[in-house]
Amino acid sequence: MTLRSTRDILEAVKEGRLSISKAEKVLKLDALSIVDEIARLDLNRHLRRGVPEIVYGKAKSPRQLEAIVSAILRNSTESEILSPIIISKVSKDQARFLRLKFSKKICRLKIKYFKEAAIIAFVPKTDTSRKEGKVALLSAGTSDIAVLHEAQVVLELLGCETIRFNDVGIAALRRLASPLKQIAKFDPDSIIVAAGMEGALPSLVASLSSVPVIGLPTSVGYGYGKGGEAALMSMLQACPLGICVVNIDGGVSAGIIAWLIAHRSALARDEQVQAHSK
């Protein structure tokens, strides 16, 4: 049985596939796993929000990551929940270590390493994903692609359909014309726009689209506004309404916000279909 959200649990109880006592155990909001006094894992976050706890890999030792993944896997086995385990900002060495440690230990999950996005994920071998809406992604320049790819990987691991266009910044507006037409046809629930330097692309896209735009500033730039600071301030001061801005290089944050929007939109569409079919 695959339980990926509170909704899944309630439906399983209603249909008699899950007992009330088992559902109560799974739904406990205070479910924590203390890992060697180095981490306190929020085990039921994905049940409350639909989003699993994403482990931030940077500055953690390979052994610490091994202990954290092991604890998550133990809990996943007990509660029969199949949700991807995602570790962000991992180095090549960390990814290699985790692959060696877990490749022969887990048969029900496969390990995926996304080098460009610096993400390693443990995902079910059987495809249990459901379509969770659609998100379009744009990068202003080639240097912004890695951070945007991080957002895209998170979205796709959570079952979202995506479309992406790279290097369409305002330095040559004609580059944006064709992608915008294709995005309109794709009909996304939201758009993520990654940009460094002056960070102007999200404003332009927001002025030409009718869905929420998520501005993703990247640490591309130099001089006075170096490290993405100019891009962040520009997006925060954007004139067009309907722009949400995440932190510099916050690919995971952008992906999660876009997924939450897309997920709710997909649920609303499903409910409309069900209502019309009755």
C-alpha atoms as a PDB file:
ATOM      1  CA  MET A   1       0.000   0.000   0.000  1.00  0.00           C
ATOM      2  CA  THR A   2       1.364   3.406  -0.953  1.00  0.00           C
ATOM      3  CA  LEU A   3       0.472   6.299   1.355  1.00  0.00           C
ATOM      4  CA  ARG A   4       1.871   9.579   0.118  1.00  0.00           C
ATOM      5  CA  SER A   5      -0.423  12.090   1.785  1.00  0.00           C
ATOM      6  CA  THR A   6      -3.080  12.555   4.441  1.00  0.00           C
ATOM      7  CA  ARG A   7      -5.662  12.239   1.681  1.00  0.00           C
ATOM      8  CA  ASP A   8      -4.312   8.774   0.782  1.00  0.00           C
ATOM      9  CA  ILE A   9      -4.602   7.695   4.411  1.00  0.00           C
ATOM     10  CA  LEU A  10      -8.193   8.919   4.747  1.00  0.00           C
ATOM     11  CA  GLU A  11      -9.207   7.187   1.530  1.00  0.00           C
ATOM     12  CA  ALA A  12      -7.526   3.949   2.671  1.00  0.00           C
ATOM     13  CA  VAL A  13      -9.467   4.059   5.978  1.00  0.00           C
ATOM     14  CA  LYS A  14     -12.726   4.791   4.148  1.00  0.00           C
ATOM     15  CA  GLU A  15     -12.197   1.829   1.822  1.00  0.00           C
ATOM     16  CA  GLY A  16     -11.227  -0.510   4.659  1.00  0.00           C
ATOM     17  CA  ARG A  17      -7.635  -0.982   3.472  1.00  0.00           C
ATOM     18  CA  LEU A  18      -6.178   0.626   6.599  1.00  0.00           C
ATOM     19  CA  SER A  19      -7.281   0.324  10.216  1.00  0.00           C
ATOM     20  CA  ILE A  20      -8.028   3.373  12.339  1.00  0.00           C
ATOM     21  CA  SER A  21      -5.263   2.474  14.803  1.00  0.00           C
ATOM     22  CA  LYS A  22      -2.721   2.144  11.997  1.00  0.00           C
ATOM     23  CA  ALA A  23      -3.832   5.445  10.495  1.00  0.00           C
ATOM     24  CA  GLU A  24      -3.493   7.121  13.884  1.00  0.00           C
ATOM     25  CA  LYS A  25       0.069   5.846  14.201  1.00  0.00           C
ATOM     26  CA  VAL A  26       1.011   7.066  10.745  1.00  0.00           C
ATOM     27  CA  LEU A  27      -0.593  10.477  11.246  1.00  0.00           C
ATOM     28  CA  LYS A  28       1.098  11.366  14.529  1.00  0.00           C
ATOM     29  CA  LEU A  29       2.358  14.899  14.040  1.00  0.00           C
ATOM     30  CA  ASP A  30       5.112  14.550  16.612  1.00  0.00           C
ATOM     31  CA  ALA A  31       6.793  11.589  14.936  1.00  0.00           C
ATOM     32  CA  LEU A  32      10.510  12.229  15.217  1.00  0.00           C
ATOM     33  CA  SER A  33      13.579  10.105  14.721  1.00  0.00           C
ATOM     34  CA  ILE A  34      16.634  11.158  16.711  1.00  0.00           C
ATOM     35  CA  VAL A  35      19.694  10.109  14.734  1.00  0.00           C
ATOM     36  CA  ASP A  36      22.829   9.678  16.846  1.00  0.00           C
ATOM     37  CA  GLU A  37      22.106  13.061  18.476  1.00  0.00           C
ATOM     38  CA  ILE A  38      23.037  14.791  15.194  1.00  0.00           C
ATOM     39  CA  ALA A  39      19.566  15.157  13.668  1.00  0.00           C
ATOM     40  CA  ARG A  40      15.889  15.119  14.594  1.00  0.00           C
ATOM     41  CA  LEU A  41      14.013  14.023  11.506  1.00  0.00           C
ATOM     42  CA  ASP A  42      10.466  15.212  10.897  1.00  0.00           C
ATOM     43  CA  LEU A  43       9.165  11.845   9.697  1.00  0.00           C
ATOM     44  CA  ASN A  44       5.599  12.836   8.816  1.00  0.00           C
ATOM     45  CA  ARG A  45       6.259  16.106   7.036  1.00  0.00           C
ATOM     46  CA  HIS A  46       5.225  14.633   3.692  1.00  0.00           C
ATOM     47  CA  LEU A  47       1.886  13.559   5.175  1.00  0.00           C
ATOM     48  CA  ARG A  48       1.123  17.064   6.440  1.00  0.00           C
ATOM     49  CA  ARG A  49       2.403  19.004   3.449  1.00  0.00           C
ATOM     50  CA  GLY A  50       2.821  16.473   0.645  1.00  0.00           C
ATOM     51  CA  VAL A  51       6.510  17.390   0.616  1.00  0.00           C
ATOM     52  CA  PRO A  52       9.123  15.102   2.189  1.00  0.00           C
ATOM     53  CA  GLU A  53      11.857  16.434   4.443  1.00  0.00           C
ATOM     54  CA  ILE A  54      14.669  17.305   2.047  1.00  0.00           C
ATOM     55  CA  VAL A  55      18.088  16.806   3.614  1.00  0.00           C
ATOM     56  CA  TYR A  56      20.617  19.599   3.078  1.00  0.00           C
ATOM     57  CA  GLY A  57      23.845  17.758   2.307  1.00  0.00           C
ATOM     58  CA  LYS A  58      26.381  20.562   2.361  1.00  0.00           C
ATOM     59  CA  ALA A  59      28.594  20.609   5.481  1.00  0.00           C
ATOM     60  CA  LYS A  60      27.384  17.159   6.558  1.00  0.00           C
ATOM     61  CA  SER A  61      29.891  14.323   6.641  1.00  0.00           C
ATOM     62  CA  PRO A  62      29.249  11.187   4.556  1.00  0.00           C
ATOM     63  CA  ARG A  63      28.768   9.196   7.773  1.00  0.00           C
ATOM     64  CA  GLN A  64      26.166  11.667   9.035  1.00  0.00           C
ATOM     65  CA  LEU A  65      24.270  11.399   5.760  1.00  0.00           C
ATOM     66  CA  GLU A  66      24.441   7.605   5.953  1.00  0.00           C
ATOM     67  CA  ALA A  67      22.908   7.654   9.447  1.00  0.00           C
ATOM     68  CA  ILE A  68      20.143  10.039   8.367  1.00  0.00           C
ATOM     69  CA  VAL A  69      19.214   8.021   5.259  1.00  0.00           C
ATOM     70  CA  SER A  70      19.221   4.794   7.280  1.00  0.00           C
ATOM     71  CA  ALA A  71      16.789   6.283   9.803  1.00  0.00           C
ATOM     72  CA  ILE A  72      14.449   7.484   7.046  1.00  0.00           C
ATOM     73  CA  LEU A  73      14.522   4.066   5.390  1.00  0.00           C
ATOM     74  CA  ARG A  74      13.687   2.327   8.657  1.00  0.00           C
ATOM     75  CA  ASN A  75      10.676   4.574   9.171  1.00  0.00           C
ATOM     76  CA  SER A  76       9.564   4.150   5.568  1.00  0.00           C
ATOM     77  CA  THR A  77       9.502   0.387   6.001  1.00  0.00           C
ATOM     78  CA  GLU A  78       7.453   0.582   9.201  1.00  0.00           C
ATOM     79  CA  SER A  79       4.763   2.944   7.901  1.00  0.00           C
ATOM     80  CA  GLU A  80       4.620   1.595   4.340  1.00  0.00           C
ATOM     81  CA  ILE A  81       5.115   5.063   2.867  1.00  0.00           C
ATOM     82  CA  LEU A  82       6.864   5.338  -0.466  1.00  0.00           C
ATOM     83  CA  SER A  83       8.166   8.872  -0.836  1.00  0.00           C
ATOM     84  CA  PRO A  84      11.438   9.930  -2.431  1.00  0.00           C
ATOM     85  CA  ILE A  85      14.341  10.632  -0.114  1.00  0.00           C
ATOM     86  CA  ILE A  86      16.023  13.742  -1.482  1.00  0.00           C
ATOM     87  CA  ILE A  87      19.431  15.100  -0.444  1.00  0.00           C
ATOM     88  CA  SER A  88      20.413  18.457  -1.924  1.00  0.00           C
ATOM     89  CA  LYS A  89      23.753  20.253  -2.315  1.00  0.00           C
ATOM     90  CA  VAL A  90      25.726  17.006  -2.300  1.00  0.00           C
ATOM     91  CA  SER A  91      29.289  16.746  -3.530  1.00  0.00           C
ATOM     92  CA  LYS A  92      30.568  14.054  -5.876  1.00  0.00           C
ATOM     93  CA  ASP A  93      32.358  12.383  -2.968  1.00  0.00           C
ATOM     94  CA  GLN A  94      29.222  12.347  -0.806  1.00  0.00           C
ATOM     95  CA  ALA A  95      27.165  10.910  -3.667  1.00  0.00           C
ATOM     96  CA  ARG A  96      29.768   8.211  -4.372  1.00  0.00           C
ATOM     97  CA  PHE A  97      29.878   7.240  -0.683  1.00  0.00           C
ATOM     98  CA  LEU A  98      26.086   6.951  -0.412  1.00  0.00           C
ATOM     99  CA  ARG A  99      25.868   4.883  -3.578  1.00  0.00           C
ATOM    100  CA  LEU A 100      28.468   2.439  -2.300  1.00  0.00           C
ATOM    101  CA  LYS A 101      26.793   2.174   1.110  1.00  0.00           C
ATOM    102  CA  PHE A 102      23.220   1.680  -0.060  1.00  0.00           C
ATOM    103  CA  SER A 103      23.316   0.194  -3.565  1.00  0.00           C
ATOM    104  CA  LYS A 104      23.315  -3.378  -2.221  1.00  0.00           C
ATOM    105  CA  LYS A 105      21.274  -2.736   0.931  1.00  0.00           C
ATOM    106  CA  ILE A 106      18.024  -1.564  -0.617  1.00  0.00           C
ATOM    107  CA  CYS A 107      16.152  -3.568  -3.228  1.00  0.00           C
ATOM    108  CA  ARG A 108      12.890  -1.608  -3.303  1.00  0.00           C
ATOM    109  CA  LEU A 109      14.501   1.726  -4.104  1.00  0.00           C
ATOM    110  CA  LYS A 110      16.822   2.930  -6.827  1.00  0.00           C
ATOM    111  CA  ILE A 111      19.472   5.571  -6.314  1.00  0.00           C
ATOM    112  CA  LYS A 112      19.556   8.488  -8.727  1.00  0.00           C
ATOM    113  CA  TYR A 113      22.365  11.033  -8.781  1.00  0.00           C
ATOM    114  CA  PHE A 114      21.766  14.297 -10.615  1.00  0.00           C
ATOM    115  CA  LYS A 115      25.260  15.703 -10.953  1.00  0.00           C
ATOM    116  CA  GLU A 116      24.346  19.078 -12.440  1.00  0.00           C
ATOM    117  CA  ALA A 117      21.667  19.687  -9.803  1.00  0.00           C
ATOM    118  CA  ALA A 118      23.889  18.341  -6.963  1.00  0.00           C
ATOM    119  CA  ILE A 119      21.030  16.089  -5.792  1.00  0.00           C
ATOM    120  CA  ILE A 120      20.968  12.417  -4.885  1.00  0.00           C
ATOM    121  CA  ALA A 121      17.603  10.725  -4.438  1.00  0.00           C
ATOM    122  CA  PHE A 122      16.283   7.355  -3.332  1.00  0.00           C
ATOM    123  CA  VAL A 123      13.113   6.657  -5.304  1.00  0.00           C
ATOM    124  CA  PRO A 124      10.723   3.680  -5.620  1.00  0.00           C
ATOM    125  CA  LYS A 125      11.629   1.255  -8.404  1.00  0.00           C
ATOM    126  CA  THR A 126       7.956   0.863  -9.223  1.00  0.00           C
ATOM    127  CA  ASP A 127       6.402   3.996 -10.660  1.00  0.00           C
ATOM    128  CA  THR A 128       3.937   5.180  -8.028  1.00  0.00           C
ATOM    129  CA  SER A 129       3.982   8.819  -9.066  1.00  0.00           C
ATOM    130  CA  ARG A 130       0.862  10.705  -9.996  1.00  0.00           C
ATOM    131  CA  LYS A 131       0.694  13.734 -12.239  1.00  0.00           C
ATOM    132  CA  GLU A 132       0.934  16.657  -9.860  1.00  0.00           C
ATOM    133  CA  GLY A 133       0.391  19.574 -12.208  1.00  0.00           C
ATOM    134  CA  LYS A 134       2.678  21.369 -14.626  1.00  0.00           C
ATOM    135  CA  VAL A 135       5.487  23.890 -14.181  1.00  0.00           C
ATOM    136  CA  ALA A 136       7.513  25.798 -16.771  1.00  0.00           C
ATOM    137  CA  LEU A 137      11.113  26.821 -16.098  1.00  0.00           C
ATOM    138  CA  LEU A 138      13.250  29.522 -17.715  1.00  0.00           C
ATOM    139  CA  SER A 139      16.899  30.440 -17.227  1.00  0.00           C
ATOM    140  CA  ALA A 140      18.112  33.896 -18.171  1.00  0.00           C
ATOM    141  CA  GLY A 141      21.641  32.704 -18.971  1.00  0.00           C
ATOM    142  CA  THR A 142      23.677  29.545 -19.300  1.00  0.00           C
ATOM    143  CA  SER A 143      25.251  30.233 -15.901  1.00  0.00           C
ATOM    144  CA  ASP A 144      21.820  29.964 -14.272  1.00  0.00           C
ATOM    145  CA  ILE A 145      21.081  26.468 -15.576  1.00  0.00           C
ATOM    146  CA  ALA A 146      22.516  24.456 -12.647  1.00  0.00           C
ATOM    147  CA  VAL A 147      20.321  26.179 -10.043  1.00  0.00           C
ATOM    148  CA  LEU A 148      17.263  25.919 -12.290  1.00  0.00           C
ATOM    149  CA  HIS A 149      18.021  22.231 -12.839  1.00  0.00           C
ATOM    150  CA  GLU A 150      17.917  21.735  -9.067  1.00  0.00           C
ATOM    151  CA  ALA A 151      14.351  23.073  -9.048  1.00  0.00           C
ATOM    152  CA  GLN A 152      13.381  20.901 -12.008  1.00  0.00           C
ATOM    153  CA  VAL A 153      14.751  17.714 -10.432  1.00  0.00           C
ATOM    154  CA  VAL A 154      12.778  18.347  -7.226  1.00  0.00           C
ATOM    155  CA  LEU A 155       9.596  18.941  -9.238  1.00  0.00           C
ATOM    156  CA  GLU A 156       9.992  15.787 -11.301  1.00  0.00           C
ATOM    157  CA  LEU A 157      10.849  13.631  -8.274  1.00  0.00           C
ATOM    158  CA  LEU A 158       7.552  14.778  -6.760  1.00  0.00           C
ATOM    159  CA  GLY A 159       5.633  13.834  -9.902  1.00  0.00           C
ATOM    160  CA  CYS A 160       5.296  17.209 -11.612  1.00  0.00           C
ATOM    161  CA  GLU A 161       5.374  17.609 -15.392  1.00  0.00           C
ATOM    162  CA  THR A 162       7.889  20.232 -16.523  1.00  0.00           C
ATOM    163  CA  ILE A 163       9.085  22.111 -19.572  1.00  0.00           C
ATOM    164  CA  ARG A 164      12.327  24.123 -19.583  1.00  0.00           C
ATOM    165  CA  PHE A 165      14.046  26.704 -21.783  1.00  0.00           C
ATOM    166  CA  ASN A 166      17.588  27.928 -21.208  1.00  0.00           C
ATOM    167  CA  ASP A 167      19.419  31.168 -22.019  1.00  0.00           C
ATOM    168  CA  VAL A 168      16.429  33.372 -22.842  1.00  0.00           C
ATOM    169  CA  GLY A 169      17.481  36.507 -20.930  1.00  0.00           C
ATOM    170  CA  ILE A 170      16.636  40.108 -21.751  1.00  0.00           C
ATOM    171  CA  ALA A 171      19.972  40.800 -23.470  1.00  0.00           C
ATOM    172  CA  ALA A 172      18.214  39.585 -26.645  1.00  0.00           C
ATOM    173  CA  LEU A 173      14.442  39.676 -26.273  1.00  0.00           C
ATOM    174  CA  ARG A 174      13.815  37.722 -29.462  1.00  0.00           C
ATOM    175  CA  ARG A 175      15.136  34.613 -27.678  1.00  0.00           C
ATOM    176  CA  LEU A 176      12.082  34.667 -25.395  1.00  0.00           C
ATOM    177  CA  ALA A 177       9.358  34.823 -28.064  1.00  0.00           C
ATOM    178  CA  SER A 178       9.234  31.163 -29.053  1.00  0.00           C
ATOM    179  CA  PRO A 179       9.568  29.767 -25.479  1.00  0.00           C
ATOM    180  CA  LEU A 180       6.670  31.944 -24.279  1.00  0.00           C
ATOM    181  CA  LYS A 181       4.448  30.637 -27.071  1.00  0.00           C
ATOM    182  CA  GLN A 182       5.335  27.049 -26.175  1.00  0.00           C
ATOM    183  CA  ILE A 183       4.767  27.746 -22.477  1.00  0.00           C
ATOM    184  CA  ALA A 184       1.324  29.187 -23.230  1.00  0.00           C
ATOM    185  CA  LYS A 185       0.482  25.983 -25.107  1.00  0.00           C
ATOM    186  CA  PHE A 186       1.866  23.880 -22.232  1.00  0.00           C
ATOM    187  CA  ASP A 187      -0.474  25.807 -19.870  1.00  0.00           C
ATOM    188  CA  PRO A 188       1.558  25.539 -16.635  1.00  0.00           C
ATOM    189  CA  ASP A 189       0.299  26.189 -13.125  1.00  0.00           C
ATOM    190  CA  SER A 190       3.333  28.380 -12.395  1.00  0.00           C
ATOM    191  CA  ILE A 191       6.636  29.483 -13.936  1.00  0.00           C
ATOM    192  CA  ILE A 192      10.075  29.471 -12.308  1.00  0.00           C
ATOM    193  CA  VAL A 193      12.478  32.053 -13.719  1.00  0.00           C
ATOM    194  CA  ALA A 194      16.161  31.852 -12.736  1.00  0.00           C
ATOM    195  CA  ALA A 195      18.337  34.904 -13.346  1.00  0.00           C
ATOM    196  CA  GLY A 196      21.570  36.412 -12.119  1.00  0.00           C
ATOM    197  CA  MET A 197      23.198  39.757 -12.978  1.00  0.00           C
ATOM    198  CA  GLU A 198      20.409  42.389 -12.724  1.00  0.00           C
ATOM    199  CA  GLY A 199      17.706  39.706 -12.439  1.00  0.00           C
ATOM    200  CA  ALA A 200      15.195  41.406 -14.734  1.00  0.00           C
ATOM    201  CA  LEU A 201      13.749  38.383 -16.546  1.00  0.00           C
ATOM    202  CA  PRO A 202      11.091  37.428 -13.920  1.00  0.00           C
ATOM    203  CA  SER A 203       9.537  40.906 -14.214  1.00  0.00           C
ATOM    204  CA  LEU A 204       9.294  40.611 -17.971  1.00  0.00           C
ATOM    205  CA  VAL A 205       7.820  37.094 -17.827  1.00  0.00           C
ATOM    206  CA  ALA A 206       5.308  38.132 -15.143  1.00  0.00           C
ATOM    207  CA  SER A 207       4.144  41.020 -17.315  1.00  0.00           C
ATOM    208  CA  LEU A 208       3.419  38.592 -20.169  1.00  0.00           C
ATOM    209  CA  SER A 209       1.870  35.647 -18.300  1.00  0.00           C
ATOM    210  CA  SER A 210      -1.270  34.956 -16.259  1.00  0.00           C
ATOM    211  CA  VAL A 211       0.114  32.425 -13.762  1.00  0.00           C
ATOM    212  CA  PRO A 212       2.264  32.905 -10.638  1.00  0.00           C
ATOM    213  CA  VAL A 213       5.944  33.546 -11.380  1.00  0.00           C
ATOM    214  CA  ILE A 214       8.643  32.382  -8.955  1.00  0.00           C
ATOM    215  CA  GLY A 215      11.801  34.460  -9.165  1.00  0.00           C
ATOM    216  CA  LEU A 216      14.958  32.452  -8.516  1.00  0.00           C
ATOM    217  CA  PRO A 217      17.990  34.748  -8.142  1.00  0.00           C
ATOM    218  CA  THR A 218      21.338  33.089  -8.809  1.00  0.00           C
ATOM    219  CA  SER A 219      24.803  33.979  -7.539  1.00  0.00           C
ATOM    220  CA  VAL A 220      25.855  35.154 -11.003  1.00  0.00           C
ATOM    221  CA  GLY A 221      27.228  38.667 -11.089  1.00  0.00           C
ATOM    222  CA  TYR A 222      30.195  40.784 -10.103  1.00  0.00           C
ATOM    223  CA  GLY A 223      31.133  44.168  -8.718  1.00  0.00           C
ATOM    224  CA  TYR A 224      28.596  46.070  -6.605  1.00  0.00           C
ATOM    225  CA  GLY A 225      25.812  43.495  -6.918  1.00  0.00           C
ATOM    226  CA  LYS A 226      28.001  40.412  -6.791  1.00  0.00           C
ATOM    227  CA  GLY A 227      26.922  37.020  -5.577  1.00  0.00           C
ATOM    228  CA  GLY A 228      23.307  37.426  -6.690  1.00  0.00           C
ATOM    229  CA  GLU A 229      22.542  40.377  -4.410  1.00  0.00           C
ATOM    230  CA  ALA A 230      21.563  42.672  -7.293  1.00  0.00           C
ATOM    231  CA  ALA A 231      19.317  39.986  -8.792  1.00  0.00           C
ATOM    232  CA  LEU A 232      17.607  39.388  -5.439  1.00  0.00           C
ATOM    233  CA  MET A 233      16.958  43.081  -4.804  1.00  0.00           C
ATOM    234  CA  SER A 234      15.706  43.608  -8.347  1.00  0.00           C
ATOM    235  CA  MET A 235      13.216  40.751  -8.048  1.00  0.00           C
ATOM    236  CA  LEU A 236      12.023  41.940  -4.645  1.00  0.00           C
ATOM    237  CA  GLN A 237      11.385  45.396  -6.148  1.00  0.00           C
ATOM    238  CA  ALA A 238       9.636  43.995  -9.238  1.00  0.00           C
ATOM    239  CA  CYS A 239       6.820  46.181 -10.537  1.00  0.00           C
ATOM    240  CA  PRO A 240       4.541  43.454 -12.029  1.00  0.00           C
ATOM    241  CA  LEU A 241       2.395  41.781  -9.387  1.00  0.00           C
ATOM    242  CA  GLY A 242       2.257  38.026  -8.962  1.00  0.00           C
ATOM    243  CA  ILE A 243       5.974  37.380  -8.400  1.00  0.00           C
ATOM    244  CA  CYS A 244       7.213  35.270  -5.498  1.00  0.00           C
ATOM    245  CA  VAL A 245      10.963  35.445  -4.792  1.00  0.00           C
ATOM    246  CA  VAL A 246      13.119  32.813  -3.091  1.00  0.00           C
ATOM    247  CA  ASN A 247      16.628  33.135  -1.703  1.00  0.00           C
ATOM    248  CA  ILE A 248      19.769  33.266  -3.832  1.00  0.00           C
ATOM    249  CA  ASP A 249      20.473  29.871  -5.447  1.00  0.00           C
ATOM    250  CA  GLY A 250      17.348  28.475  -3.752  1.00  0.00           C
ATOM    251  CA  GLY A 251      16.509  25.909  -6.402  1.00  0.00           C
ATOM    252  CA  VAL A 252      14.918  23.529  -3.901  1.00  0.00           C
ATOM    253  CA  SER A 253      12.784  26.313  -2.413  1.00  0.00           C
ATOM    254  CA  ALA A 254      11.589  27.404  -5.853  1.00  0.00           C
ATOM    255  CA  GLY A 255      10.782  23.821  -6.789  1.00  0.00           C
ATOM    256  CA  ILE A 256       8.772  23.213  -3.612  1.00  0.00           C
ATOM    257  CA  ILE A 257       6.732  26.419  -3.962  1.00  0.00           C
ATOM    258  CA  ALA A 258       5.994  25.611  -7.598  1.00  0.00           C
ATOM    259  CA  TRP A 259       5.011  22.051  -6.647  1.00  0.00           C
ATOM    260  CA  LEU A 260       2.641  23.213  -3.906  1.00  0.00           C
ATOM    261  CA  ILE A 261       0.885  25.480  -6.427  1.00  0.00           C
ATOM    262  CA  ALA A 262       0.793  22.774  -9.098  1.00  0.00           C
ATOM    263  CA  HIS A 263      -0.362  20.105  -6.648  1.00  0.00           C
ATOM    264  CA  ARG A 264      -3.312  22.165  -5.422  1.00  0.00           C
ATOM    265  CA  SER A 265      -4.229  23.031  -8.993  1.00  0.00           C
ATOM    266  CA  ALA A 266      -4.120  19.361 -10.008  1.00  0.00           C
ATOM    267  CA  LEU A 267      -6.341  18.391  -7.064  1.00  0.00           C
ATOM    268  CA  ALA A 268      -8.870  21.077  -8.029  1.00  0.00           C
ATOM    269  CA  ARG A 269      -8.938  19.839 -11.615  1.00  0.00           C
ATOM    270  CA  ASP A 270      -9.443  16.240 -10.461  1.00  0.00           C
ATOM    271  CA  GLU A 271     -12.324  17.279  -8.213  1.00  0.00           C
ATOM    272  CA  GLN A 272     -13.950  19.160 -11.098  1.00  0.00           C
ATOM    273  CA  VAL A 273     -13.690  16.085 -13.325  1.00  0.00           C
ATOM    274  CA  GLN A 274     -15.198  13.883 -10.609  1.00  0.00           C
ATOM    275  CA  ALA A 275     -18.036  16.354 -10.020  1.00  0.00           C
ATOM    276  CA  HIS A 276     -18.896  16.491 -13.725  1.00  0.00           C
ATOM    277  CA  SER A 277     -18.796  12.713 -14.058  1.00  0.00           C
ATOM    278  CA  LYS A 278     -21.458  12.193 -11.378  1.00  0.00           C
END
